[in-house]
Amino acid sequence: MNQITVKLQVPVEHDGRTYNELVFREPTVADMITAEKFEKETLESNAVLLAAMADVSLPVIKRLKVYDYNACDTLTVPLFLPPDKRPGEGEDPNVEAVTEKP
């Protein structure tokens, strides 16, 4: 899993293009530096990072409905982890594995 596709509940239009889904790649240090130019932990810096990871312009992310933005934010979390620490295909990245002791 080197990328994650998020299907949007409400498509976004920008510059004559309609986005029904966004494909996010792993973030790079350059992406983080670009986002860091905004105050840390702000919504805008996170939006800048998501735009970079999806290779779209910032207005595309800004036009997302809040629930689509939240889905993008949540579902891309595994891309920040090393590949061997990411959930497997089909696993919910938001649910930690629970094992019972015998």
Protein backbone atom coordinates (compact mmCIF):
# COMPACT_ATOMS: atom_id res chain seq x y z
CA MET A 1 0.00 0.00 0.00
CA ASN A 2 1.98 2.98 -1.30
CA GLN A 3 -1.14 4.95 -2.07
CA ILE A 4 -4.69 5.24 -0.85
CA THR A 5 -7.73 6.14 -2.93
CA VAL A 6 -10.54 8.01 -1.19
CA LYS A 7 -13.88 8.12 -3.00
CA LEU A 8 -15.58 11.44 -2.36
CA GLN A 9 -19.20 11.55 -1.24
CA VAL A 10 -19.60 14.85 -3.10
CA PRO A 11 -17.44 15.44 -6.20
CA VAL A 12 -15.34 18.60 -6.33
CA GLU A 13 -14.90 20.75 -9.42
CA HIS A 14 -11.82 22.88 -10.01
CA ASP A 15 -10.30 24.34 -13.19
CA GLY A 16 -12.76 22.46 -15.39
CA ARG A 17 -12.02 19.08 -13.83
CA THR A 18 -14.33 17.01 -11.63
CA TYR A 19 -12.75 14.99 -8.82
CA ASN A 20 -14.81 11.95 -7.76
CA GLU A 21 -11.90 10.49 -5.82
CA LEU A 22 -8.47 11.52 -4.64
CA VAL A 23 -5.41 9.28 -4.76
CA PHE A 24 -2.92 9.97 -1.99
CA ARG A 25 0.73 8.89 -2.11
CA GLU A 26 3.20 8.60 0.74
CA PRO A 27 4.27 12.01 2.06
CA THR A 28 7.82 13.23 1.54
CA VAL A 29 9.95 15.52 3.66
CA ALA A 30 9.42 18.19 0.98
CA ASP A 31 5.66 17.89 1.52
CA MET A 32 6.13 18.31 5.27
CA ILE A 33 8.37 21.38 4.79
CA THR A 34 5.78 22.98 2.51
CA ALA A 35 3.02 22.35 5.05
CA GLU A 36 5.21 23.54 7.93
CA LYS A 37 5.28 27.05 6.44
CA PHE A 38 1.83 27.41 7.95
CA GLU A 39 1.37 27.41 11.70
CA LYS A 40 1.81 23.94 13.09
CA GLU A 41 -1.26 21.83 13.75
CA THR A 42 -3.56 24.12 11.82
CA LEU A 43 -6.26 22.99 9.46
CA GLU A 44 -4.62 24.89 6.61
CA SER A 45 -1.21 23.24 7.07
CA ASN A 46 -2.90 19.84 7.05
CA ALA A 47 -4.88 20.79 3.93
CA VAL A 48 -1.60 21.82 2.24
CA LEU A 49 -0.09 18.44 3.12
CA LEU A 50 -3.12 16.52 1.80
CA ALA A 51 -3.04 18.54 -1.44
CA ALA A 52 0.64 17.69 -1.90
CA MET A 53 0.03 14.00 -1.19
CA ALA A 54 -2.80 13.91 -3.75
CA ASP A 55 -0.86 16.01 -6.28
CA VAL A 56 -3.76 18.48 -6.54
CA SER A 57 -3.91 22.20 -5.95
CA LEU A 58 -4.94 23.49 -2.53
CA PRO A 59 -8.32 24.81 -3.77
CA VAL A 60 -9.38 21.20 -4.51
CA ILE A 61 -8.90 20.27 -0.85
CA LYS A 62 -10.52 23.49 0.34
CA ARG A 63 -13.65 22.68 -1.68
CA LEU A 64 -14.14 19.28 -0.02
CA LYS A 65 -17.14 18.81 2.24
CA VAL A 66 -16.05 18.41 5.86
CA TYR A 67 -16.95 14.70 5.91
CA ASP A 68 -14.87 14.07 2.77
CA TYR A 69 -11.98 16.06 4.26
CA ASN A 70 -12.21 14.02 7.47
CA ALA A 71 -12.20 10.78 5.47
CA CYS A 72 -9.07 11.89 3.57
CA ASP A 73 -7.37 12.93 6.80
CA THR A 74 -8.21 9.69 8.61
CA LEU A 75 -7.62 7.22 5.80
CA THR A 76 -4.18 8.61 4.89
CA VAL A 77 -2.74 8.03 8.38
CA PRO A 78 -1.18 4.65 7.41
CA LEU A 79 0.88 6.39 4.70
CA PHE A 80 2.88 8.06 7.49
CA LEU A 81 3.92 4.67 8.88
CA PRO A 82 6.73 2.44 7.61
CA PRO A 83 5.34 -0.12 5.13
CA ASP A 84 5.82 -3.03 7.53
CA LYS A 85 3.74 -1.25 10.20
CA ARG A 86 0.76 -0.48 7.97
CA PRO A 87 -2.51 -2.41 8.16
CA GLY A 88 -2.92 -5.09 5.52
CA GLU A 89 -5.21 -4.77 2.53
CA GLY A 90 -8.83 -4.72 3.62
CA GLU A 91 -8.03 -4.00 7.25
CA ASP A 92 -9.52 -0.94 8.89
CA PRO A 93 -6.65 1.47 9.68
CA ASN A 94 -8.73 2.94 12.50
CA VAL A 95 -9.10 -0.30 14.44
CA GLU A 96 -6.19 -1.66 16.41
CA ALA A 97 -5.78 -5.40 16.50
CA VAL A 98 -6.84 -6.91 19.80
CA THR A 99 -5.48 -10.23 20.87
CA GLU A 100 -6.75 -12.20 23.81
CA LYS A 101 -4.38 -13.88 26.19
CA PRO A 102 -5.10 -17.58 26.72
